[in-house]
Amino acid sequence: MVSFRRGYRVEVCRKEKGFVVSYYAATVICPLENNTYAVRYKDLLVNDESGPLIEKVLKDEVRPVPPEIIMITDLAYLDEVDAFDNDSWWVGKITGKHGSNYYVYFETTGDEIAYPLS
């Protein structure tokens, strides 16, 4: 498993209802004991919106930031993809294509959403 040091940009998988299998951009503040990290989210704010949310997360909820996005134009039925929506990356599967839109099904929410290939 990859280890991250202070200042590393990462993505954190939110493991709460409505957020399962969605990844949010964050920066590691510091590694902690018991396979955890303190992270500061890029786009998630504290409840009063006065600043970025900082929280302790498990090591297995953290992944490296993906490389530069490369546009893929030959996606196939049931290919697993990450779709960027609502400030985070959501894991889903291609369920169809109509025109320039790909349809992605998200098992965790039961939603199927059309995304333009752009």
C-alpha atoms as a PDB file:
ATOM      1  CA  MET A   1       0.000   0.000   0.000  1.00  0.00           C
ATOM      2  CA  VAL A   2       1.278   3.475  -0.882  1.00  0.00           C
ATOM      3  CA  SER A   3       2.354   5.792   1.941  1.00  0.00           C
ATOM      4  CA  PHE A   4       1.930   9.551   1.716  1.00  0.00           C
ATOM      5  CA  ARG A   5       3.891  12.320   3.404  1.00  0.00           C
ATOM      6  CA  ARG A   6       2.910  15.812   4.442  1.00  0.00           C
ATOM      7  CA  GLY A   7       1.864  17.959   1.489  1.00  0.00           C
ATOM      8  CA  TYR A   8       1.018  15.084  -0.865  1.00  0.00           C
ATOM      9  CA  ARG A   9      -2.067  15.697  -2.985  1.00  0.00           C
ATOM     10  CA  VAL A  10      -4.415  12.720  -2.726  1.00  0.00           C
ATOM     11  CA  GLU A  11      -8.011  11.648  -3.201  1.00  0.00           C
ATOM     12  CA  VAL A  12     -10.084  10.382  -0.286  1.00  0.00           C
ATOM     13  CA  CYS A  13     -12.965   7.927  -0.580  1.00  0.00           C
ATOM     14  CA  ARG A  14     -15.884   9.113   1.545  1.00  0.00           C
ATOM     15  CA  LYS A  15     -17.333   6.126   3.389  1.00  0.00           C
ATOM     16  CA  GLU A  16     -20.652   7.487   4.545  1.00  0.00           C
ATOM     17  CA  LYS A  17     -24.163   7.185   3.178  1.00  0.00           C
ATOM     18  CA  GLY A  18     -24.525   9.011  -0.121  1.00  0.00           C
ATOM     19  CA  PHE A  19     -20.766   9.317  -0.621  1.00  0.00           C
ATOM     20  CA  VAL A  20     -19.677   5.693  -1.005  1.00  0.00           C
ATOM     21  CA  VAL A  21     -17.277   5.248  -3.901  1.00  0.00           C
ATOM     22  CA  SER A  22     -16.779   8.954  -4.441  1.00  0.00           C
ATOM     23  CA  TYR A  23     -13.323  10.477  -4.208  1.00  0.00           C
ATOM     24  CA  TYR A  24     -12.547  14.021  -3.057  1.00  0.00           C
ATOM     25  CA  ALA A  25      -9.327  15.960  -3.641  1.00  0.00           C
ATOM     26  CA  ALA A  26      -7.329  16.573  -0.472  1.00  0.00           C
ATOM     27  CA  THR A  27      -3.842  17.287   0.829  1.00  0.00           C
ATOM     28  CA  VAL A  28      -2.131  15.213   3.507  1.00  0.00           C
ATOM     29  CA  ILE A  29      -1.495  17.343   6.585  1.00  0.00           C
ATOM     30  CA  CYS A  30       0.422  14.546   8.291  1.00  0.00           C
ATOM     31  CA  PRO A  31       0.526  10.774   8.718  1.00  0.00           C
ATOM     32  CA  LEU A  32      -0.912   9.634  12.057  1.00  0.00           C
ATOM     33  CA  GLU A  33      -0.782   6.423  14.082  1.00  0.00           C
ATOM     34  CA  ASN A  34      -2.927   3.348  13.402  1.00  0.00           C
ATOM     35  CA  ASN A  35      -2.768   3.630   9.591  1.00  0.00           C
ATOM     36  CA  THR A  36      -4.487   7.019   9.430  1.00  0.00           C
ATOM     37  CA  TYR A  37      -3.820  10.452   7.959  1.00  0.00           C
ATOM     38  CA  ALA A  38      -4.965  13.963   8.749  1.00  0.00           C
ATOM     39  CA  VAL A  39      -6.165  15.522   5.478  1.00  0.00           C
ATOM     40  CA  ARG A  40      -7.468  18.906   4.317  1.00  0.00           C
ATOM     41  CA  TYR A  41     -10.084  18.724   1.562  1.00  0.00           C
ATOM     42  CA  LYS A  42      -9.827  20.994  -1.459  1.00  0.00           C
ATOM     43  CA  ASP A  43     -13.577  21.407  -2.093  1.00  0.00           C
ATOM     44  CA  LEU A  44     -15.345  20.133   1.043  1.00  0.00           C
ATOM     45  CA  LEU A  45     -16.000  22.765   3.693  1.00  0.00           C
ATOM     46  CA  VAL A  46     -16.812  22.639   7.400  1.00  0.00           C
ATOM     47  CA  ASN A  47     -20.524  22.998   8.217  1.00  0.00           C
ATOM     48  CA  ASP A  48     -20.422  26.796   8.602  1.00  0.00           C
ATOM     49  CA  GLU A  49     -18.421  27.069   5.341  1.00  0.00           C
ATOM     50  CA  SER A  50     -15.692  29.056   7.107  1.00  0.00           C
ATOM     51  CA  GLY A  51     -12.885  26.920   5.726  1.00  0.00           C
ATOM     52  CA  PRO A  52     -11.843  23.579   4.306  1.00  0.00           C
ATOM     53  CA  LEU A  53     -12.870  20.408   6.107  1.00  0.00           C
ATOM     54  CA  ILE A  54     -10.007  18.722   7.947  1.00  0.00           C
ATOM     55  CA  GLU A  55     -10.448  15.174   9.162  1.00  0.00           C
ATOM     56  CA  LYS A  56      -8.726  11.954  10.113  1.00  0.00           C
ATOM     57  CA  VAL A  57      -9.084   9.191   7.496  1.00  0.00           C
ATOM     58  CA  LEU A  58      -7.978   5.584   7.240  1.00  0.00           C
ATOM     59  CA  LYS A  59      -5.023   4.750   5.014  1.00  0.00           C
ATOM     60  CA  ASP A  60      -7.169   2.446   2.845  1.00  0.00           C
ATOM     61  CA  GLU A  61      -9.490   5.385   2.018  1.00  0.00           C
ATOM     62  CA  VAL A  62      -6.656   7.355   0.382  1.00  0.00           C
ATOM     63  CA  ARG A  63      -5.338   6.991  -3.146  1.00  0.00           C
ATOM     64  CA  PRO A  64      -2.858   9.004  -5.220  1.00  0.00           C
ATOM     65  CA  VAL A  65      -4.117  11.766  -7.476  1.00  0.00           C
ATOM     66  CA  PRO A  66      -4.575  10.228 -10.932  1.00  0.00           C
ATOM     67  CA  PRO A  67      -2.318  11.282 -13.779  1.00  0.00           C
ATOM     68  CA  GLU A  68      -3.417  13.984 -16.186  1.00  0.00           C
ATOM     69  CA  ILE A  69      -6.824  13.180 -17.636  1.00  0.00           C
ATOM     70  CA  ILE A  70      -6.561  11.580 -21.050  1.00  0.00           C
ATOM     71  CA  MET A  71      -9.703  11.628 -23.155  1.00  0.00           C
ATOM     72  CA  ILE A  72     -10.751   8.118 -24.139  1.00  0.00           C
ATOM     73  CA  THR A  73     -13.156   7.838 -27.037  1.00  0.00           C
ATOM     74  CA  ASP A  74     -13.646   4.084 -27.313  1.00  0.00           C
ATOM     75  CA  LEU A  75     -15.431   3.168 -24.097  1.00  0.00           C
ATOM     76  CA  ALA A  76     -17.317  -0.121 -24.101  1.00  0.00           C
ATOM     77  CA  TYR A  77     -20.397  -1.464 -22.324  1.00  0.00           C
ATOM     78  CA  LEU A  78     -19.684  -2.129 -18.618  1.00  0.00           C
ATOM     79  CA  ASP A  79     -16.241  -0.472 -18.681  1.00  0.00           C
ATOM     80  CA  GLU A  80     -15.539   0.901 -15.194  1.00  0.00           C
ATOM     81  CA  VAL A  81     -14.971   4.662 -15.215  1.00  0.00           C
ATOM     82  CA  ASP A  82     -14.510   7.545 -12.805  1.00  0.00           C
ATOM     83  CA  ALA A  83     -16.974  10.366 -13.546  1.00  0.00           C
ATOM     84  CA  PHE A  84     -16.431  13.859 -12.099  1.00  0.00           C
ATOM     85  CA  ASP A  85     -19.694  15.166 -10.621  1.00  0.00           C
ATOM     86  CA  ASN A  86     -20.570  17.337  -7.592  1.00  0.00           C
ATOM     87  CA  ASP A  87     -16.912  18.154  -6.816  1.00  0.00           C
ATOM     88  CA  SER A  88     -15.801  14.518  -6.605  1.00  0.00           C
ATOM     89  CA  TRP A  89     -14.981  11.431  -8.630  1.00  0.00           C
ATOM     90  CA  TRP A  90     -17.630   8.693  -8.645  1.00  0.00           C
ATOM     91  CA  VAL A  91     -16.979   5.110  -9.742  1.00  0.00           C
ATOM     92  CA  GLY A  92     -19.512   3.784 -12.236  1.00  0.00           C
ATOM     93  CA  LYS A  93     -19.966   1.602 -15.305  1.00  0.00           C
ATOM     94  CA  ILE A  94     -20.742   2.519 -18.904  1.00  0.00           C
ATOM     95  CA  THR A  95     -24.278   1.384 -19.730  1.00  0.00           C
ATOM     96  CA  GLY A  96     -24.790   2.973 -23.113  1.00  0.00           C
ATOM     97  CA  LYS A  97     -23.985   5.674 -25.628  1.00  0.00           C
ATOM     98  CA  HIS A  98     -26.298   8.041 -27.483  1.00  0.00           C
ATOM     99  CA  GLY A  99     -24.754  10.603 -29.792  1.00  0.00           C
ATOM    100  CA  SER A 100     -21.843  12.180 -27.935  1.00  0.00           C
ATOM    101  CA  ASN A 101     -23.180  11.164 -24.495  1.00  0.00           C
ATOM    102  CA  TYR A 102     -22.071   8.152 -22.511  1.00  0.00           C
ATOM    103  CA  TYR A 103     -24.452   6.808 -19.876  1.00  0.00           C
ATOM    104  CA  VAL A 104     -22.862   5.851 -16.573  1.00  0.00           C
ATOM    105  CA  TYR A 105     -24.591   3.729 -13.925  1.00  0.00           C
ATOM    106  CA  PHE A 106     -23.618   4.238 -10.290  1.00  0.00           C
ATOM    107  CA  GLU A 107     -24.332   1.095  -8.281  1.00  0.00           C
ATOM    108  CA  THR A 108     -24.059   2.879  -4.937  1.00  0.00           C
ATOM    109  CA  THR A 109     -26.822   5.370  -5.731  1.00  0.00           C
ATOM    110  CA  GLY A 110     -28.782   3.524  -8.421  1.00  0.00           C
ATOM    111  CA  ASP A 111     -28.478   6.568 -10.711  1.00  0.00           C
ATOM    112  CA  GLU A 112     -27.748   6.487 -14.433  1.00  0.00           C
ATOM    113  CA  ILE A 113     -26.426   9.805 -15.730  1.00  0.00           C
ATOM    114  CA  ALA A 114     -25.485  10.961 -19.234  1.00  0.00           C
ATOM    115  CA  TYR A 115     -22.075  12.616 -19.608  1.00  0.00           C
ATOM    116  CA  PRO A 116     -20.881  14.314 -22.781  1.00  0.00           C
ATOM    117  CA  LEU A 117     -17.567  13.186 -24.151  1.00  0.00           C
ATOM    118  CA  SER A 118     -15.592  16.405 -23.888  1.00  0.00           C
END
